[in-house]
Amino acid sequence: MQEKDPIEEYYRKAFTGFEPPPPDQTWEKIRTGIHPPDVKKGRMVILKGRIAGYSHSGRLYPLLATAAMVLLLFIMWFSYSHKHNIRGHAYAGETRICMGTAYLFKVYDKVKPYDTVLLVQSVPVDNKGFYQFHGVDQGNYFIRINPLPGTEVIRNYIPSFYDQDSVASEANIIRIETEDPTIDVHLVPR
């Protein structure tokens, strides 16, 4: 064991009992710091507590996943709610053509001659002469029907645009604005 220094002993004896006890107010401040009093909580404090309670629990991730799915579904619905479907039949004379291809062209020009025309979609014409374009934006369009090569129809009729025009510069524009149109195309005889 280490010997005590005589000077330290002397100072310890000299200053023992010299320090007065702290006043009672000090102990109250320390007690309230260690144990805060219960305060009546408002609605925002309760809401913040509930939100904070989700941060470390297993309920947070399912809640966030559900919110993300709802947001994703809303975005998908909103993006497709402004799209249109164009449907119709293709005729060769009075009968529907059995097979072929329908082409949808978007027209960007305001007046004739139409220089800026872009192919948007092509869909098959079924054996009942029916075709349908899905997810079409608003705008101006041409529809052209080409019968299947090698069939009886191609011998008697030429590929045609809407309103029985075989040339794009003479074809009538189809305006898609608010409703889904049904457009029948009649092929031009040879």
Protein backbone atom coordinates (compact mmCIF):
# COMPACT_ATOMS: atom_id res chain seq x y z
CA MET A 1 0.00 0.00 0.00
CA GLN A 2 1.15 3.48 -0.71
CA GLU A 3 1.85 5.85 2.13
CA LYS A 4 -0.28 8.95 2.36
CA ASP A 5 1.44 12.20 1.77
CA PRO A 6 1.51 14.31 4.97
CA ILE A 7 0.64 17.48 3.09
CA GLU A 8 -2.47 15.87 1.59
CA GLU A 9 -3.52 14.70 5.07
CA TYR A 10 -3.07 18.18 6.43
CA TYR A 11 -5.21 19.78 3.67
CA ARG A 12 -7.93 17.15 3.96
CA LYS A 13 -8.22 17.79 7.73
CA ALA A 14 -8.18 21.54 7.22
CA PHE A 15 -11.00 21.57 4.66
CA THR A 16 -13.23 18.81 6.04
CA GLY A 17 -16.67 20.14 6.92
CA PHE A 18 -15.86 23.46 5.26
CA GLU A 19 -18.25 22.96 2.33
CA PRO A 20 -21.86 23.86 3.22
CA PRO A 21 -24.68 21.53 2.06
CA PRO A 22 -26.54 22.66 -1.12
CA PRO A 23 -29.84 24.51 -0.65
CA ASP A 24 -33.15 22.61 -1.04
CA GLN A 25 -33.96 24.34 -4.33
CA THR A 26 -30.96 22.67 -5.95
CA TRP A 27 -32.28 19.20 -5.16
CA GLU A 28 -35.67 20.14 -6.71
CA LYS A 29 -34.01 21.23 -9.95
CA ILE A 30 -32.02 18.01 -10.10
CA ARG A 31 -35.14 15.92 -9.38
CA THR A 32 -37.17 17.59 -12.19
CA GLY A 33 -34.26 17.12 -14.58
CA ILE A 34 -34.08 13.40 -13.83
CA HIS A 35 -37.84 12.78 -13.55
CA PRO A 36 -39.80 15.33 -15.65
CA PRO A 37 -43.37 15.95 -14.55
CA ASP A 38 -46.21 14.50 -16.68
CA VAL A 39 -47.59 17.20 -18.96
CA LYS A 40 -51.03 16.90 -20.57
CA LYS A 41 -50.41 16.02 -24.22
CA GLY A 42 -52.21 17.70 -27.13
CA ARG A 43 -53.33 16.04 -30.36
CA MET A 44 -50.18 16.93 -32.30
CA VAL A 45 -47.94 15.48 -29.60
CA ILE A 46 -49.94 12.23 -29.66
CA LEU A 47 -49.75 12.13 -33.49
CA LYS A 48 -45.99 12.72 -33.43
CA GLY A 49 -45.65 9.96 -30.86
CA ARG A 50 -47.58 7.53 -33.02
CA ILE A 51 -45.52 8.41 -36.09
CA ALA A 52 -42.31 8.03 -34.07
CA GLY A 53 -43.61 4.68 -32.84
CA TYR A 54 -43.65 3.40 -36.45
CA SER A 55 -40.00 4.23 -37.01
CA HIS A 56 -38.66 1.25 -35.06
CA SER A 57 -41.41 -1.28 -35.47
CA GLY A 58 -42.35 -3.91 -37.99
CA ARG A 59 -45.50 -1.98 -38.90
CA LEU A 60 -43.62 0.77 -40.75
CA TYR A 61 -42.53 -1.22 -43.78
CA PRO A 62 -45.94 -2.74 -44.61
CA LEU A 63 -47.47 0.71 -44.23
CA LEU A 64 -44.90 2.24 -46.59
CA ALA A 65 -45.30 -0.63 -49.07
CA THR A 66 -49.08 -0.16 -49.11
CA ALA A 67 -48.72 3.60 -49.61
CA ALA A 68 -46.26 3.03 -52.47
CA MET A 69 -48.62 0.55 -54.18
CA VAL A 70 -51.55 2.96 -53.93
CA LEU A 71 -49.41 5.74 -55.38
CA LEU A 72 -48.21 3.49 -58.20
CA LEU A 73 -51.77 2.43 -59.05
CA PHE A 74 -52.90 6.06 -59.07
CA ILE A 75 -50.07 7.03 -61.44
CA MET A 76 -50.90 4.12 -63.76
CA TRP A 77 -54.61 4.99 -63.76
CA PHE A 78 -53.88 8.65 -64.43
CA SER A 79 -51.48 7.92 -67.28
CA TYR A 80 -53.95 5.59 -69.05
CA SER A 81 -57.10 7.58 -68.32
CA HIS A 82 -56.28 9.98 -71.18
CA LYS A 83 -55.66 7.22 -73.74
CA HIS A 84 -58.20 6.12 -76.32
CA ASN A 85 -59.06 3.01 -78.30
CA ILE A 86 -59.86 3.15 -82.00
CA ARG A 87 -61.82 0.22 -83.37
CA GLY A 88 -63.73 -0.63 -86.48
CA HIS A 89 -64.19 -2.98 -89.41
CA ALA A 90 -62.58 -3.17 -92.82
CA TYR A 91 -64.85 -3.67 -95.83
CA ALA A 92 -64.22 -4.70 -99.40
CA GLY A 93 -67.41 -3.58 -101.08
CA GLU A 94 -70.26 -4.74 -98.84
CA THR A 95 -68.39 -7.65 -97.23
CA ARG A 96 -65.82 -7.55 -94.47
CA ILE A 97 -62.29 -8.55 -95.40
CA CYS A 98 -61.06 -11.77 -93.83
CA MET A 99 -57.41 -10.94 -93.13
CA GLY A 100 -55.09 -7.98 -93.40
CA THR A 101 -53.26 -5.29 -91.46
CA ALA A 102 -54.50 -1.96 -90.11
CA TYR A 103 -52.00 0.91 -89.78
CA LEU A 104 -52.41 3.99 -87.58
CA PHE A 105 -50.46 7.10 -88.59
CA LYS A 106 -50.20 10.26 -86.48
CA VAL A 107 -50.41 13.51 -88.46
CA TYR A 108 -48.45 16.45 -87.05
CA ASP A 109 -49.29 18.97 -89.81
CA LYS A 110 -52.19 21.41 -89.58
CA VAL A 111 -52.86 21.78 -93.33
CA LYS A 112 -52.39 19.79 -96.53
CA PRO A 113 -49.97 18.60 -97.84
CA TYR A 114 -49.25 16.42 -94.85
CA ASP A 115 -45.47 16.19 -94.64
CA THR A 116 -45.03 15.03 -91.05
CA VAL A 117 -46.78 11.68 -90.72
CA LEU A 118 -45.52 8.99 -88.36
CA LEU A 119 -46.54 5.32 -88.13
CA VAL A 120 -47.75 4.76 -84.56
CA GLN A 121 -49.19 1.23 -84.53
CA SER A 122 -50.05 -1.67 -86.77
CA VAL A 123 -52.54 -4.35 -85.78
CA PRO A 124 -53.92 -7.39 -87.59
CA VAL A 125 -57.38 -7.39 -89.07
CA ASP A 126 -59.06 -10.60 -87.88
CA ASN A 127 -61.15 -13.05 -89.93
CA LYS A 128 -64.29 -10.99 -89.18
CA GLY A 129 -62.73 -7.77 -90.50
CA PHE A 130 -62.29 -6.27 -87.01
CA TYR A 131 -59.29 -4.20 -85.89
CA GLN A 132 -58.53 -2.23 -82.72
CA PHE A 133 -55.76 0.19 -81.70
CA HIS A 134 -55.09 0.55 -77.94
CA GLY A 135 -53.56 3.42 -75.94
CA VAL A 136 -53.96 6.16 -78.54
CA ASP A 137 -53.30 9.77 -77.46
CA GLN A 138 -55.45 12.69 -78.52
CA GLY A 139 -54.54 14.12 -81.90
CA ASN A 140 -54.96 13.76 -85.66
CA TYR A 141 -54.60 10.36 -87.34
CA PHE A 142 -54.87 8.39 -90.57
CA ILE A 143 -55.98 4.76 -90.73
CA ARG A 144 -54.92 2.57 -93.63
CA ILE A 145 -56.05 -0.99 -94.30
CA ASN A 146 -53.93 -3.39 -96.34
CA PRO A 147 -55.59 -6.69 -97.29
CA LEU A 148 -53.53 -9.84 -96.89
CA PRO A 149 -51.40 -10.42 -100.03
CA GLY A 150 -52.46 -13.38 -102.16
CA THR A 151 -56.16 -13.19 -101.23
CA GLU A 152 -59.13 -12.57 -103.53
CA VAL A 153 -59.62 -9.13 -101.99
CA ILE A 154 -56.19 -7.85 -103.09
CA ARG A 155 -57.02 -8.66 -106.72
CA ASN A 156 -60.13 -6.49 -106.69
CA TYR A 157 -59.30 -3.77 -104.13
CA ILE A 158 -56.27 -1.65 -103.31
CA PRO A 159 -54.95 -0.75 -99.83
CA SER A 160 -56.93 2.29 -98.72
CA PHE A 161 -57.16 5.02 -96.12
CA TYR A 162 -60.28 6.02 -94.22
CA ASP A 163 -62.96 7.56 -96.48
CA GLN A 164 -61.98 5.44 -99.53
CA ASP A 165 -58.81 7.28 -100.47
CA SER A 166 -55.81 5.36 -101.75
CA VAL A 167 -53.40 8.30 -101.47
CA ALA A 168 -52.39 9.80 -98.11
CA SER A 169 -52.49 13.36 -99.45
CA GLU A 170 -56.21 13.00 -100.19
CA ALA A 171 -57.21 11.06 -97.06
CA ASN A 172 -59.35 12.65 -94.39
CA ILE A 173 -57.94 13.17 -90.92
CA ILE A 174 -59.50 11.41 -87.95
CA ARG A 175 -59.53 13.67 -84.88
CA ILE A 176 -59.32 11.91 -81.51
CA GLU A 177 -60.42 14.22 -78.71
CA THR A 178 -62.66 12.90 -75.94
CA GLU A 179 -64.37 9.69 -77.03
CA ASP A 180 -63.22 6.33 -78.40
CA PRO A 181 -64.30 6.30 -82.06
CA THR A 182 -65.53 3.38 -84.15
CA ILE A 183 -64.23 3.84 -87.69
CA ASP A 184 -65.09 1.56 -90.58
CA VAL A 185 -62.74 1.64 -93.56
CA HIS A 186 -63.97 0.77 -97.05
CA LEU A 187 -61.32 -0.32 -99.55
CA VAL A 188 -61.12 1.38 -102.96
CA PRO A 189 -61.94 -0.92 -105.91
CA ARG A 190 -59.34 -1.32 -108.68
